[in-house]
Amino acid sequence: MTESLYDLAGGAEGMLRIARIFYRYMFDDPLMLPLFGNPDEDHVGRMALWLGEFFGGPREHSNQRGGFYTMVAVHQPLTISDAQRDRWINYMMAACEEANMPKEVVDYFTPFIYSGALAAQRGSRRG
């Protein structure tokens, strides 16, 4: 049996690793902080669940949060500038690299990183 991308990426711990690194970048960046009404919320945990489901792991994000459409709805009230969108892309790519994600995982994820960032921005009150 072929290993899933979720397993290849380290399972739940791998998802947490990417999310922790990503949000470390985000919360250290004054340009990105205005996107967060409450930085103390469990952004890392929610992203880890979403990533897990994206990579073929348990459907916990859908079970707990409603899945893809919840993610879209969360971004609608935001005003995401081109600079913030680009920074988000850079931080997500850097998080994958710093977390030592396997090439197969990064190759699968990269197109979504770009298209997802653009979709989130388009769904927002674009800045």
N, C-alpha and C. Protein backbone atom coordinates (compact mmCIF):
# COMPACT_ATOMS: atom_id res chain seq x y z
N MET A 1 0.83 -1.17 0.00
CA MET A 1 0.00 0.00 0.00
C MET A 1 0.89 1.25 0.00
N THR A 2 0.49 2.25 -0.77
CA THR A 2 1.24 3.49 -0.86
C THR A 2 0.92 4.38 0.34
N GLU A 3 1.95 5.02 0.85
CA GLU A 3 1.79 5.91 2.00
C GLU A 3 1.06 7.19 1.54
N SER A 4 0.09 7.64 2.33
CA SER A 4 -0.64 8.87 1.99
C SER A 4 0.26 10.08 2.20
N LEU A 5 -0.11 11.19 1.58
CA LEU A 5 0.64 12.43 1.79
C LEU A 5 0.60 12.84 3.26
N TYR A 6 -0.53 12.60 3.90
CA TYR A 6 -0.67 12.90 5.33
C TYR A 6 0.38 12.13 6.13
N ASP A 7 0.50 10.84 5.87
CA ASP A 7 1.49 10.02 6.57
C ASP A 7 2.91 10.44 6.20
N LEU A 8 3.12 10.69 4.92
CA LEU A 8 4.44 11.11 4.44
C LEU A 8 4.88 12.42 5.10
N ALA A 9 3.92 13.30 5.37
CA ALA A 9 4.20 14.60 5.99
C ALA A 9 4.34 14.51 7.50
N GLY A 10 4.17 13.33 8.07
CA GLY A 10 4.35 13.17 9.51
C GLY A 10 3.07 13.07 10.30
N GLY A 11 1.93 12.87 9.61
CA GLY A 11 0.65 12.72 10.31
C GLY A 11 0.28 13.98 11.09
N ALA A 12 -0.42 13.79 12.18
CA ALA A 12 -0.91 14.92 12.98
C ALA A 12 0.25 15.79 13.48
N GLU A 13 1.35 15.17 13.86
CA GLU A 13 2.50 15.96 14.35
C GLU A 13 3.11 16.79 13.23
N GLY A 14 3.16 16.25 12.03
CA GLY A 14 3.67 17.01 10.89
C GLY A 14 2.79 18.21 10.58
N MET A 15 1.47 18.03 10.69
CA MET A 15 0.55 19.13 10.44
C MET A 15 0.72 20.23 11.49
N LEU A 16 0.88 19.81 12.74
CA LEU A 16 1.13 20.79 13.81
C LEU A 16 2.44 21.52 13.60
N ARG A 17 3.45 20.80 13.13
CA ARG A 17 4.75 21.42 12.91
C ARG A 17 4.65 22.53 11.86
N ILE A 18 4.00 22.25 10.73
CA ILE A 18 3.83 23.28 9.70
C ILE A 18 3.05 24.46 10.26
N ALA A 19 1.94 24.19 10.93
CA ALA A 19 1.08 25.26 11.43
C ALA A 19 1.81 26.12 12.47
N ARG A 20 2.55 25.49 13.37
CA ARG A 20 3.29 26.27 14.39
C ARG A 20 4.32 27.19 13.75
N ILE A 21 5.06 26.66 12.79
CA ILE A 21 6.08 27.47 12.12
C ILE A 21 5.40 28.61 11.37
N PHE A 22 4.36 28.29 10.62
CA PHE A 22 3.65 29.30 9.84
C PHE A 22 3.15 30.44 10.73
N TYR A 23 2.48 30.11 11.82
CA TYR A 23 1.93 31.15 12.68
C TYR A 23 3.01 31.88 13.48
N ARG A 24 4.14 31.27 13.69
CA ARG A 24 5.26 32.01 14.29
C ARG A 24 5.66 33.16 13.36
N TYR A 25 5.75 32.86 12.07
CA TYR A 25 6.04 33.92 11.10
C TYR A 25 4.94 34.98 11.08
N MET A 26 3.71 34.52 11.03
CA MET A 26 2.58 35.45 10.91
C MET A 26 2.48 36.40 12.09
N PHE A 27 2.60 35.86 13.30
CA PHE A 27 2.42 36.69 14.49
C PHE A 27 3.63 37.56 14.80
N ASP A 28 4.75 37.31 14.14
CA ASP A 28 5.92 38.16 14.29
C ASP A 28 5.96 39.27 13.24
N ASP A 29 4.96 39.34 12.39
CA ASP A 29 4.97 40.28 11.26
C ASP A 29 3.88 41.33 11.43
N PRO A 30 4.26 42.59 11.63
CA PRO A 30 3.27 43.65 11.82
C PRO A 30 2.32 43.83 10.63
N LEU A 31 2.76 43.47 9.43
CA LEU A 31 1.89 43.57 8.26
C LEU A 31 0.74 42.55 8.35
N MET A 32 1.01 41.41 8.96
CA MET A 32 0.02 40.34 8.99
C MET A 32 -0.91 40.40 10.20
N LEU A 33 -0.47 41.00 11.28
CA LEU A 33 -1.27 41.01 12.52
C LEU A 33 -2.67 41.61 12.36
N PRO A 34 -2.88 42.64 11.52
CA PRO A 34 -4.24 43.19 11.39
C PRO A 34 -5.26 42.18 10.85
N LEU A 35 -4.80 41.08 10.30
CA LEU A 35 -5.73 40.06 9.78
C LEU A 35 -6.34 39.21 10.90
N PHE A 36 -5.85 39.38 12.12
CA PHE A 36 -6.29 38.55 13.23
C PHE A 36 -7.02 39.38 14.27
N GLY A 37 -8.32 39.13 14.40
CA GLY A 37 -9.10 39.81 15.43
C GLY A 37 -8.65 39.38 16.82
N ASN A 38 -8.29 38.11 16.96
CA ASN A 38 -7.86 37.59 18.25
C ASN A 38 -6.71 36.60 18.04
N PRO A 39 -5.47 37.07 18.09
CA PRO A 39 -4.33 36.17 17.90
C PRO A 39 -4.24 35.04 18.92
N ASP A 40 -4.96 35.17 20.05
CA ASP A 40 -4.90 34.14 21.08
C ASP A 40 -5.79 32.93 20.78
N GLU A 41 -6.63 33.01 19.74
CA GLU A 41 -7.44 31.86 19.37
C GLU A 41 -6.52 30.72 18.91
N ASP A 42 -7.07 29.54 18.77
CA ASP A 42 -6.28 28.37 18.40
C ASP A 42 -6.09 28.28 16.88
N HIS A 43 -5.42 29.26 16.31
CA HIS A 43 -5.15 29.26 14.87
C HIS A 43 -4.32 28.05 14.47
N VAL A 44 -3.32 27.72 15.27
CA VAL A 44 -2.44 26.59 14.96
C VAL A 44 -3.24 25.29 14.91
N GLY A 45 -4.05 25.06 15.91
CA GLY A 45 -4.83 23.82 15.95
C GLY A 45 -5.80 23.70 14.80
N ARG A 46 -6.47 24.80 14.48
CA ARG A 46 -7.43 24.76 13.38
C ARG A 46 -6.72 24.53 12.05
N MET A 47 -5.58 25.20 11.84
CA MET A 47 -4.86 24.99 10.59
C MET A 47 -4.34 23.56 10.51
N ALA A 48 -3.86 23.03 11.62
CA ALA A 48 -3.36 21.65 11.60
C ALA A 48 -4.46 20.68 11.21
N LEU A 49 -5.67 20.88 11.72
CA LEU A 49 -6.79 20.02 11.34
C LEU A 49 -7.09 20.17 9.85
N TRP A 50 -7.09 21.41 9.36
CA TRP A 50 -7.38 21.64 7.94
C TRP A 50 -6.31 21.00 7.06
N LEU A 51 -5.04 21.22 7.42
CA LEU A 51 -3.96 20.62 6.65
C LEU A 51 -4.06 19.10 6.65
N GLY A 52 -4.37 18.54 7.80
CA GLY A 52 -4.50 17.08 7.88
C GLY A 52 -5.54 16.56 6.90
N GLU A 53 -6.67 17.22 6.86
CA GLU A 53 -7.72 16.80 5.94
C GLU A 53 -7.29 17.03 4.49
N PHE A 54 -6.64 18.14 4.21
CA PHE A 54 -6.17 18.46 2.86
C PHE A 54 -5.23 17.37 2.35
N PHE A 55 -4.37 16.87 3.21
CA PHE A 55 -3.39 15.87 2.81
C PHE A 55 -3.91 14.44 2.94
N GLY A 56 -5.18 14.26 3.19
CA GLY A 56 -5.76 12.93 3.19
C GLY A 56 -5.88 12.27 4.55
N GLY A 57 -5.71 13.05 5.60
CA GLY A 57 -5.84 12.52 6.95
C GLY A 57 -7.28 12.55 7.42
N PRO A 58 -7.48 12.44 8.71
CA PRO A 58 -8.84 12.42 9.28
C PRO A 58 -9.63 13.68 8.91
N ARG A 59 -10.92 13.53 8.79
CA ARG A 59 -11.80 14.63 8.40
C ARG A 59 -12.23 15.45 9.63
N GLU A 60 -11.30 15.70 10.50
CA GLU A 60 -11.62 16.41 11.75
C GLU A 60 -11.96 17.87 11.53
N HIS A 61 -11.36 18.52 10.55
CA HIS A 61 -11.72 19.92 10.30
C HIS A 61 -13.17 20.01 9.88
N SER A 62 -13.58 19.15 8.97
CA SER A 62 -14.99 19.14 8.54
C SER A 62 -15.91 18.78 9.70
N ASN A 63 -15.53 17.80 10.49
CA ASN A 63 -16.35 17.39 11.62
C ASN A 63 -16.50 18.49 12.67
N GLN A 64 -15.41 19.21 12.94
CA GLN A 64 -15.42 20.21 14.00
C GLN A 64 -15.78 21.61 13.53
N ARG A 65 -15.41 21.93 12.27
CA ARG A 65 -15.52 23.32 11.83
C ARG A 65 -16.34 23.51 10.56
N GLY A 66 -16.70 22.44 9.88
CA GLY A 66 -17.52 22.58 8.69
C GLY A 66 -16.74 22.51 7.38
N GLY A 67 -15.46 22.33 7.42
CA GLY A 67 -14.67 22.10 6.22
C GLY A 67 -14.34 23.34 5.41
N PHE A 68 -14.23 23.15 4.12
CA PHE A 68 -13.74 24.17 3.18
C PHE A 68 -14.53 25.46 3.27
N TYR A 69 -15.85 25.36 3.28
CA TYR A 69 -16.66 26.58 3.23
C TYR A 69 -16.52 27.42 4.49
N THR A 70 -16.24 26.80 5.60
CA THR A 70 -15.96 27.56 6.82
C THR A 70 -14.69 28.37 6.63
N MET A 71 -13.68 27.75 6.02
CA MET A 71 -12.42 28.45 5.77
C MET A 71 -12.65 29.66 4.87
N VAL A 72 -13.46 29.52 3.85
CA VAL A 72 -13.78 30.63 2.96
C VAL A 72 -14.51 31.72 3.73
N ALA A 73 -15.52 31.36 4.50
CA ALA A 73 -16.32 32.34 5.23
C ALA A 73 -15.50 33.12 6.24
N VAL A 74 -14.52 32.49 6.86
CA VAL A 74 -13.69 33.16 7.86
C VAL A 74 -12.90 34.31 7.23
N HIS A 75 -12.54 34.17 5.97
CA HIS A 75 -11.73 35.19 5.32
C HIS A 75 -12.54 36.31 4.69
N GLN A 76 -13.84 36.12 4.51
CA GLN A 76 -14.66 37.13 3.85
C GLN A 76 -14.65 38.50 4.53
N PRO A 77 -14.71 38.60 5.85
CA PRO A 77 -14.74 39.94 6.45
C PRO A 77 -13.38 40.64 6.46
N LEU A 78 -12.33 39.95 6.06
CA LEU A 78 -11.00 40.54 6.08
C LEU A 78 -10.76 41.44 4.87
N THR A 79 -9.80 42.31 5.00
CA THR A 79 -9.31 43.10 3.89
C THR A 79 -7.87 42.67 3.67
N ILE A 80 -7.65 41.87 2.64
CA ILE A 80 -6.33 41.28 2.39
C ILE A 80 -5.68 42.00 1.22
N SER A 81 -4.57 42.65 1.49
CA SER A 81 -3.84 43.38 0.45
C SER A 81 -2.99 42.43 -0.38
N ASP A 82 -2.51 42.93 -1.50
CA ASP A 82 -1.59 42.13 -2.33
C ASP A 82 -0.34 41.77 -1.53
N ALA A 83 0.16 42.71 -0.75
CA ALA A 83 1.37 42.46 0.04
C ALA A 83 1.11 41.38 1.09
N GLN A 84 -0.05 41.42 1.73
CA GLN A 84 -0.39 40.38 2.72
C GLN A 84 -0.56 39.03 2.06
N ARG A 85 -1.21 39.00 0.91
CA ARG A 85 -1.36 37.74 0.18
C ARG A 85 0.00 37.15 -0.16
N ASP A 86 0.90 37.98 -0.68
CA ASP A 86 2.23 37.50 -1.06
C ASP A 86 3.04 37.05 0.16
N ARG A 87 2.91 37.76 1.25
CA ARG A 87 3.61 37.38 2.48
C ARG A 87 3.09 36.04 2.99
N TRP A 88 1.75 35.84 2.92
CA TRP A 88 1.16 34.57 3.34
C TRP A 88 1.75 33.42 2.53
N ILE A 89 1.84 33.61 1.22
CA ILE A 89 2.43 32.59 0.35
C ILE A 89 3.87 32.30 0.77
N ASN A 90 4.65 33.36 0.95
CA ASN A 90 6.06 33.18 1.33
C ASN A 90 6.19 32.45 2.67
N TYR A 91 5.35 32.79 3.63
CA TYR A 91 5.44 32.15 4.94
C TYR A 91 5.01 30.68 4.88
N MET A 92 4.01 30.38 4.08
CA MET A 92 3.58 28.99 3.97
C MET A 92 4.66 28.15 3.30
N MET A 93 5.28 28.69 2.27
CA MET A 93 6.37 27.96 1.60
C MET A 93 7.55 27.79 2.56
N ALA A 94 7.87 28.84 3.30
CA ALA A 94 8.98 28.77 4.26
C ALA A 94 8.67 27.77 5.38
N ALA A 95 7.41 27.71 5.82
CA ALA A 95 7.03 26.75 6.87
C ALA A 95 7.21 25.32 6.37
N CYS A 96 6.84 25.06 5.14
CA CYS A 96 7.03 23.72 4.58
C CYS A 96 8.51 23.36 4.52
N GLU A 97 9.31 24.33 4.13
CA GLU A 97 10.76 24.08 4.06
C GLU A 97 11.35 23.87 5.45
N GLU A 98 11.02 24.77 6.38
CA GLU A 98 11.57 24.66 7.73
C GLU A 98 11.11 23.37 8.43
N ALA A 99 9.90 22.92 8.12
CA ALA A 99 9.37 21.69 8.71
C ALA A 99 9.91 20.45 8.01
N ASN A 100 10.76 20.65 7.01
CA ASN A 100 11.37 19.54 6.25
C ASN A 100 10.32 18.61 5.63
N MET A 101 9.30 19.22 5.05
CA MET A 101 8.29 18.43 4.38
C MET A 101 8.89 17.76 3.15
N PRO A 102 8.53 16.51 2.90
CA PRO A 102 9.05 15.81 1.73
C PRO A 102 8.65 16.52 0.43
N LYS A 103 9.46 16.38 -0.57
CA LYS A 103 9.23 17.02 -1.86
C LYS A 103 7.85 16.70 -2.42
N GLU A 104 7.40 15.46 -2.30
CA GLU A 104 6.09 15.07 -2.82
C GLU A 104 4.97 15.86 -2.15
N VAL A 105 5.12 16.12 -0.87
CA VAL A 105 4.12 16.88 -0.12
C VAL A 105 4.13 18.34 -0.59
N VAL A 106 5.30 18.92 -0.68
CA VAL A 106 5.42 20.32 -1.11
C VAL A 106 4.93 20.49 -2.55
N ASP A 107 5.29 19.56 -3.42
CA ASP A 107 4.85 19.64 -4.82
C ASP A 107 3.33 19.59 -4.93
N TYR A 108 2.70 18.76 -4.11
CA TYR A 108 1.24 18.66 -4.11
C TYR A 108 0.60 19.93 -3.55
N PHE A 109 1.20 20.49 -2.52
CA PHE A 109 0.64 21.63 -1.80
C PHE A 109 0.87 22.97 -2.49
N THR A 110 1.98 23.12 -3.19
CA THR A 110 2.36 24.42 -3.76
C THR A 110 1.28 25.05 -4.64
N PRO A 111 0.68 24.34 -5.59
CA PRO A 111 -0.36 25.02 -6.39
C PRO A 111 -1.51 25.53 -5.54
N PHE A 112 -1.88 24.79 -4.48
CA PHE A 112 -2.95 25.25 -3.61
C PHE A 112 -2.53 26.47 -2.81
N ILE A 113 -1.29 26.53 -2.40
CA ILE A 113 -0.82 27.69 -1.64
C ILE A 113 -1.07 28.96 -2.44
N TYR A 114 -0.74 28.91 -3.71
CA TYR A 114 -0.93 30.09 -4.57
C TYR A 114 -2.41 30.34 -4.86
N SER A 115 -3.13 29.29 -5.28
CA SER A 115 -4.54 29.49 -5.63
C SER A 115 -5.38 29.78 -4.39
N GLY A 116 -5.06 29.15 -3.27
CA GLY A 116 -5.81 29.39 -2.03
C GLY A 116 -5.62 30.81 -1.52
N ALA A 117 -4.40 31.31 -1.61
CA ALA A 117 -4.14 32.69 -1.17
C ALA A 117 -4.90 33.68 -2.04
N LEU A 118 -4.92 33.44 -3.33
CA LEU A 118 -5.65 34.33 -4.24
C LEU A 118 -7.15 34.23 -3.99
N ALA A 119 -7.66 33.03 -3.76
CA ALA A 119 -9.09 32.86 -3.48
C ALA A 119 -9.48 33.55 -2.18
N ALA A 120 -8.65 33.43 -1.15
CA ALA A 120 -8.94 34.10 0.12
C ALA A 120 -8.96 35.61 -0.07
N GLN A 121 -8.02 36.11 -0.86
CA GLN A 121 -8.00 37.55 -1.10
C GLN A 121 -9.22 38.00 -1.90
N ARG A 122 -9.57 37.25 -2.92
CA ARG A 122 -10.75 37.61 -3.74
C ARG A 122 -12.02 37.55 -2.92
N GLY A 123 -12.08 36.61 -1.96
CA GLY A 123 -13.26 36.48 -1.12
C GLY A 123 -13.32 37.54 -0.03
N SER A 124 -12.22 38.23 0.19
CA SER A 124 -12.16 39.27 1.22
C SER A 124 -12.62 40.60 0.63
N ARG A 125 -12.68 41.58 1.50
CA ARG A 125 -12.91 42.95 1.04
C ARG A 125 -11.53 43.47 0.67
N ARG A 126 -11.09 43.12 -0.50
CA ARG A 126 -9.72 43.34 -0.96
C ARG A 126 -9.23 44.74 -0.67
N GLY A 127 -7.99 44.75 -0.10
CA GLY A 127 -7.36 46.02 0.25
C GLY A 127 -6.51 46.58 -0.84
